């Protein structure tokens, strides 16, 4: 499934988290080396495409930033919750 074909924001979050989880070894190295912020630009790019229907740039910045921090916390705590549980926080 292509990320642009995901039918809803919640399903996109699950899709993205599952995808990122597949690369957890690399993400864990980024965390260990204090380089996790390198992913932030990619989050901005992808979410700006998904959130294109929102016209308020403040809302977009808040949404992307919130999800990015949520993802970082999830990774730093050892991926304790499932992607579905994480997506439930975002409504």
N, C-alpha and C. Protein backbone atom coordinates (compact mmCIF):
# COMPACT_ATOMS: atom_id res chain seq x y z
N UNK A 1 0.84 -1.18 0.00
CA UNK A 1 0.00 0.00 0.00
C UNK A 1 0.89 1.24 0.00
N UNK A 2 0.57 2.19 -0.82
CA UNK A 2 1.27 3.45 -0.91
C UNK A 2 0.71 4.41 0.14
N UNK A 3 1.55 5.22 0.76
CA UNK A 3 1.07 6.10 1.83
C UNK A 3 0.07 7.13 1.33
N UNK A 4 0.08 7.48 0.05
CA UNK A 4 -0.89 8.44 -0.47
C UNK A 4 -2.25 7.81 -0.69
N UNK A 5 -2.33 6.49 -0.64
CA UNK A 5 -3.60 5.80 -0.85
C UNK A 5 -4.29 5.40 0.46
N UNK A 6 -3.72 5.78 1.57
CA UNK A 6 -4.31 5.43 2.86
C UNK A 6 -5.56 6.30 3.06
N UNK A 7 -6.70 5.68 3.37
CA UNK A 7 -7.98 6.38 3.35
C UNK A 7 -8.25 7.40 4.45
N UNK A 8 -7.58 7.33 5.60
CA UNK A 8 -7.88 8.26 6.68
C UNK A 8 -6.60 8.62 7.43
N UNK A 9 -6.61 9.76 8.13
CA UNK A 9 -5.42 10.13 8.91
C UNK A 9 -5.04 9.07 9.95
N UNK A 10 -6.03 8.48 10.62
CA UNK A 10 -5.74 7.44 11.63
C UNK A 10 -5.04 6.25 10.98
N UNK A 11 -5.54 5.83 9.83
CA UNK A 11 -4.94 4.69 9.14
C UNK A 11 -3.55 5.04 8.63
N UNK A 12 -3.36 6.31 8.25
CA UNK A 12 -2.04 6.74 7.82
C UNK A 12 -1.05 6.67 8.98
N UNK A 13 -1.47 7.08 10.16
CA UNK A 13 -0.60 7.02 11.34
C UNK A 13 -0.18 5.58 11.60
N UNK A 14 -1.13 4.66 11.57
CA UNK A 14 -0.81 3.24 11.78
C UNK A 14 0.15 2.75 10.71
N UNK A 15 -0.15 3.09 9.45
CA UNK A 15 0.71 2.70 8.33
C UNK A 15 2.12 3.23 8.53
N UNK A 16 2.25 4.51 8.88
CA UNK A 16 3.56 5.12 9.05
C UNK A 16 4.32 4.51 10.22
N UNK A 17 3.64 4.31 11.34
CA UNK A 17 4.32 3.72 12.50
C UNK A 17 4.79 2.30 12.22
N UNK A 18 3.98 1.53 11.53
CA UNK A 18 4.42 0.17 11.17
C UNK A 18 5.63 0.23 10.25
N UNK A 19 5.62 1.16 9.33
CA UNK A 19 6.75 1.32 8.42
C UNK A 19 8.01 1.72 9.20
N UNK A 20 7.88 2.69 10.08
CA UNK A 20 9.02 3.14 10.87
C UNK A 20 9.53 2.03 11.80
N UNK A 21 8.62 1.24 12.32
CA UNK A 21 9.00 0.14 13.20
C UNK A 21 9.91 -0.86 12.47
N UNK A 22 9.67 -1.04 11.19
CA UNK A 22 10.53 -1.94 10.39
C UNK A 22 11.98 -1.45 10.38
N UNK A 23 12.17 -0.15 10.58
CA UNK A 23 13.50 0.45 10.56
C UNK A 23 13.97 0.83 11.96
N UNK A 24 13.44 0.15 12.95
CA UNK A 24 13.75 0.51 14.34
C UNK A 24 15.23 0.38 14.67
N UNK A 25 15.95 -0.53 14.02
CA UNK A 25 17.39 -0.64 14.30
C UNK A 25 18.12 0.64 13.92
N UNK A 26 17.75 1.19 12.77
CA UNK A 26 18.37 2.45 12.32
C UNK A 26 17.91 3.60 13.21
N UNK A 27 16.62 3.63 13.53
CA UNK A 27 16.08 4.69 14.39
C UNK A 27 16.74 4.64 15.76
N UNK A 28 16.93 3.44 16.27
CA UNK A 28 17.60 3.30 17.57
C UNK A 28 19.04 3.84 17.53
N UNK A 29 19.72 3.64 16.40
CA UNK A 29 21.07 4.21 16.25
C UNK A 29 21.01 5.73 16.21
N UNK A 30 20.01 6.28 15.53
CA UNK A 30 19.86 7.74 15.50
C UNK A 30 19.61 8.28 16.90
N UNK A 31 18.80 7.58 17.67
CA UNK A 31 18.54 8.00 19.05
C UNK A 31 19.82 7.92 19.88
N UNK A 32 20.51 6.80 19.76
CA UNK A 32 21.75 6.61 20.53
C UNK A 32 22.77 7.70 20.23
N UNK A 33 22.84 8.11 18.95
CA UNK A 33 23.83 9.11 18.54
C UNK A 33 23.28 10.54 18.56
N UNK A 34 22.13 10.72 19.20
CA UNK A 34 21.48 12.04 19.28
C UNK A 34 21.28 12.68 17.91
N UNK A 35 20.83 11.88 16.95
CA UNK A 35 20.60 12.36 15.58
C UNK A 35 19.16 12.13 15.13
N UNK A 36 18.26 11.83 16.07
CA UNK A 36 16.87 11.54 15.72
C UNK A 36 16.22 12.72 15.01
N UNK A 37 16.73 13.92 15.27
CA UNK A 37 16.16 15.11 14.63
C UNK A 37 16.31 15.08 13.11
N UNK A 38 17.16 14.21 12.58
CA UNK A 38 17.30 14.09 11.13
C UNK A 38 16.00 13.62 10.48
N UNK A 39 15.15 12.96 11.24
CA UNK A 39 13.87 12.50 10.70
C UNK A 39 12.82 13.61 10.64
N UNK A 40 13.04 14.68 11.37
CA UNK A 40 12.03 15.73 11.46
C UNK A 40 11.68 16.34 10.10
N UNK A 41 12.67 16.58 9.28
CA UNK A 41 12.41 17.15 7.95
C UNK A 41 11.56 16.21 7.10
N UNK A 42 11.82 14.92 7.21
CA UNK A 42 11.02 13.95 6.46
C UNK A 42 9.58 13.93 6.97
N UNK A 43 9.40 14.04 8.26
CA UNK A 43 8.05 14.14 8.82
C UNK A 43 7.34 15.36 8.25
N UNK A 44 8.03 16.49 8.23
CA UNK A 44 7.44 17.71 7.68
C UNK A 44 7.00 17.50 6.23
N UNK A 45 7.86 16.96 5.43
CA UNK A 45 7.56 16.76 4.01
C UNK A 45 6.36 15.86 3.81
N UNK A 46 6.37 14.72 4.45
CA UNK A 46 5.28 13.75 4.27
C UNK A 46 3.95 14.25 4.82
N UNK A 47 3.98 14.83 6.01
CA UNK A 47 2.73 15.28 6.61
C UNK A 47 2.16 16.51 5.91
N UNK A 48 3.00 17.36 5.38
CA UNK A 48 2.49 18.49 4.62
C UNK A 48 1.69 18.01 3.42
N UNK A 49 2.12 16.93 2.79
CA UNK A 49 1.37 16.36 1.67
C UNK A 49 0.04 15.79 2.14
N UNK A 50 0.05 15.10 3.26
CA UNK A 50 -1.16 14.47 3.78
C UNK A 50 -2.15 15.51 4.32
N UNK A 51 -1.63 16.57 4.91
CA UNK A 51 -2.48 17.59 5.54
C UNK A 51 -2.78 18.76 4.62
N UNK A 52 -2.66 18.56 3.33
CA UNK A 52 -2.83 19.66 2.38
C UNK A 52 -4.21 20.29 2.42
N UNK A 53 -5.20 19.59 2.94
CA UNK A 53 -6.55 20.17 3.01
C UNK A 53 -6.68 21.19 4.15
N UNK A 54 -5.70 21.22 5.05
CA UNK A 54 -5.71 22.19 6.16
C UNK A 54 -4.99 23.45 5.68
N UNK A 55 -5.64 24.59 5.79
CA UNK A 55 -5.05 25.82 5.27
C UNK A 55 -4.31 26.63 6.33
N UNK A 56 -4.54 26.33 7.60
CA UNK A 56 -3.90 27.09 8.67
C UNK A 56 -2.51 26.52 8.96
N UNK A 57 -1.44 27.26 8.64
CA UNK A 57 -0.09 26.73 8.85
C UNK A 57 0.23 26.46 10.32
N UNK A 58 -0.41 27.16 11.24
CA UNK A 58 -0.19 26.91 12.66
C UNK A 58 -0.74 25.55 13.06
N UNK A 59 -1.89 25.22 12.52
CA UNK A 59 -2.50 23.91 12.78
C UNK A 59 -1.62 22.80 12.22
N UNK A 60 -1.12 23.01 11.02
CA UNK A 60 -0.24 22.01 10.40
C UNK A 60 1.03 21.82 11.24
N UNK A 61 1.65 22.93 11.63
CA UNK A 61 2.89 22.85 12.43
C UNK A 61 2.65 22.12 13.75
N UNK A 62 1.53 22.43 14.40
CA UNK A 62 1.20 21.79 15.67
C UNK A 62 0.97 20.29 15.47
N UNK A 63 0.24 19.93 14.43
CA UNK A 63 -0.06 18.52 14.16
C UNK A 63 1.21 17.72 13.87
N UNK A 64 2.03 18.27 12.99
CA UNK A 64 3.27 17.56 12.62
C UNK A 64 4.20 17.47 13.84
N UNK A 65 4.36 18.57 14.54
CA UNK A 65 5.24 18.57 15.71
C UNK A 65 4.77 17.62 16.78
N UNK A 66 3.48 17.60 17.02
CA UNK A 66 2.92 16.69 18.02
C UNK A 66 3.15 15.24 17.65
N UNK A 67 2.91 14.91 16.39
CA UNK A 67 3.13 13.52 15.99
C UNK A 67 4.60 13.16 16.04
N UNK A 68 5.45 14.07 15.60
CA UNK A 68 6.90 13.79 15.64
C UNK A 68 7.36 13.51 17.06
N UNK A 69 6.94 14.33 18.01
CA UNK A 69 7.32 14.12 19.41
C UNK A 69 6.74 12.81 19.95
N UNK A 70 5.50 12.51 19.57
CA UNK A 70 4.88 11.25 19.99
C UNK A 70 5.67 10.06 19.45
N UNK A 71 6.07 10.15 18.18
CA UNK A 71 6.89 9.09 17.59
C UNK A 71 8.21 8.94 18.34
N UNK A 72 8.89 10.06 18.60
CA UNK A 72 10.17 10.00 19.32
C UNK A 72 10.02 9.37 20.69
N UNK A 73 8.97 9.73 21.39
CA UNK A 73 8.72 9.15 22.71
C UNK A 73 8.48 7.65 22.59
N UNK A 74 7.69 7.25 21.61
CA UNK A 74 7.41 5.83 21.36
C UNK A 74 8.71 5.07 21.12
N UNK A 75 9.57 5.61 20.27
CA UNK A 75 10.84 4.95 19.97
C UNK A 75 11.76 4.91 21.19
N UNK A 76 11.84 6.03 21.91
CA UNK A 76 12.74 6.10 23.07
C UNK A 76 12.29 5.22 24.23
N UNK A 77 11.01 4.86 24.26
CA UNK A 77 10.51 3.98 25.32
C UNK A 77 10.40 2.53 24.86
N UNK A 78 11.06 2.22 23.77
CA UNK A 78 11.15 0.84 23.34
C UNK A 78 9.93 0.30 22.60
N UNK A 79 9.18 1.19 21.97
CA UNK A 79 8.03 0.78 21.15
C UNK A 79 7.06 -0.07 21.96
N UNK A 80 6.78 0.37 23.17
CA UNK A 80 5.95 -0.41 24.09
C UNK A 80 4.51 -0.59 23.62
N UNK A 81 3.98 0.41 22.96
CA UNK A 81 2.59 0.33 22.50
C UNK A 81 2.55 -0.05 21.02
N UNK A 82 1.41 -0.55 20.59
CA UNK A 82 1.26 -0.90 19.18
C UNK A 82 1.00 0.37 18.37
N UNK A 83 1.22 0.33 17.06
CA UNK A 83 0.87 1.50 16.24
C UNK A 83 -0.60 1.89 16.38
N UNK A 84 -1.48 0.93 16.54
CA UNK A 84 -2.90 1.23 16.70
C UNK A 84 -3.16 1.98 18.01
N UNK A 85 -2.45 1.59 19.07
CA UNK A 85 -2.61 2.30 20.35
C UNK A 85 -2.10 3.73 20.26
N UNK A 86 -0.99 3.93 19.54
CA UNK A 86 -0.44 5.27 19.37
C UNK A 86 -1.41 6.11 18.53
N UNK A 87 -1.95 5.55 17.47
CA UNK A 87 -2.88 6.29 16.61
C UNK A 87 -4.12 6.73 17.36
N UNK A 88 -4.51 5.98 18.38
CA UNK A 88 -5.69 6.33 19.16
C UNK A 88 -5.50 7.63 19.94
N UNK A 89 -4.24 8.01 20.20
CA UNK A 89 -3.96 9.27 20.89
C UNK A 89 -4.21 10.48 20.00
N UNK A 90 -4.18 10.25 18.69
CA UNK A 90 -4.27 11.35 17.73
C UNK A 90 -5.67 11.38 17.15
N UNK A 91 -6.43 12.35 17.55
CA UNK A 91 -7.80 12.47 17.03
C UNK A 91 -8.10 13.90 16.69
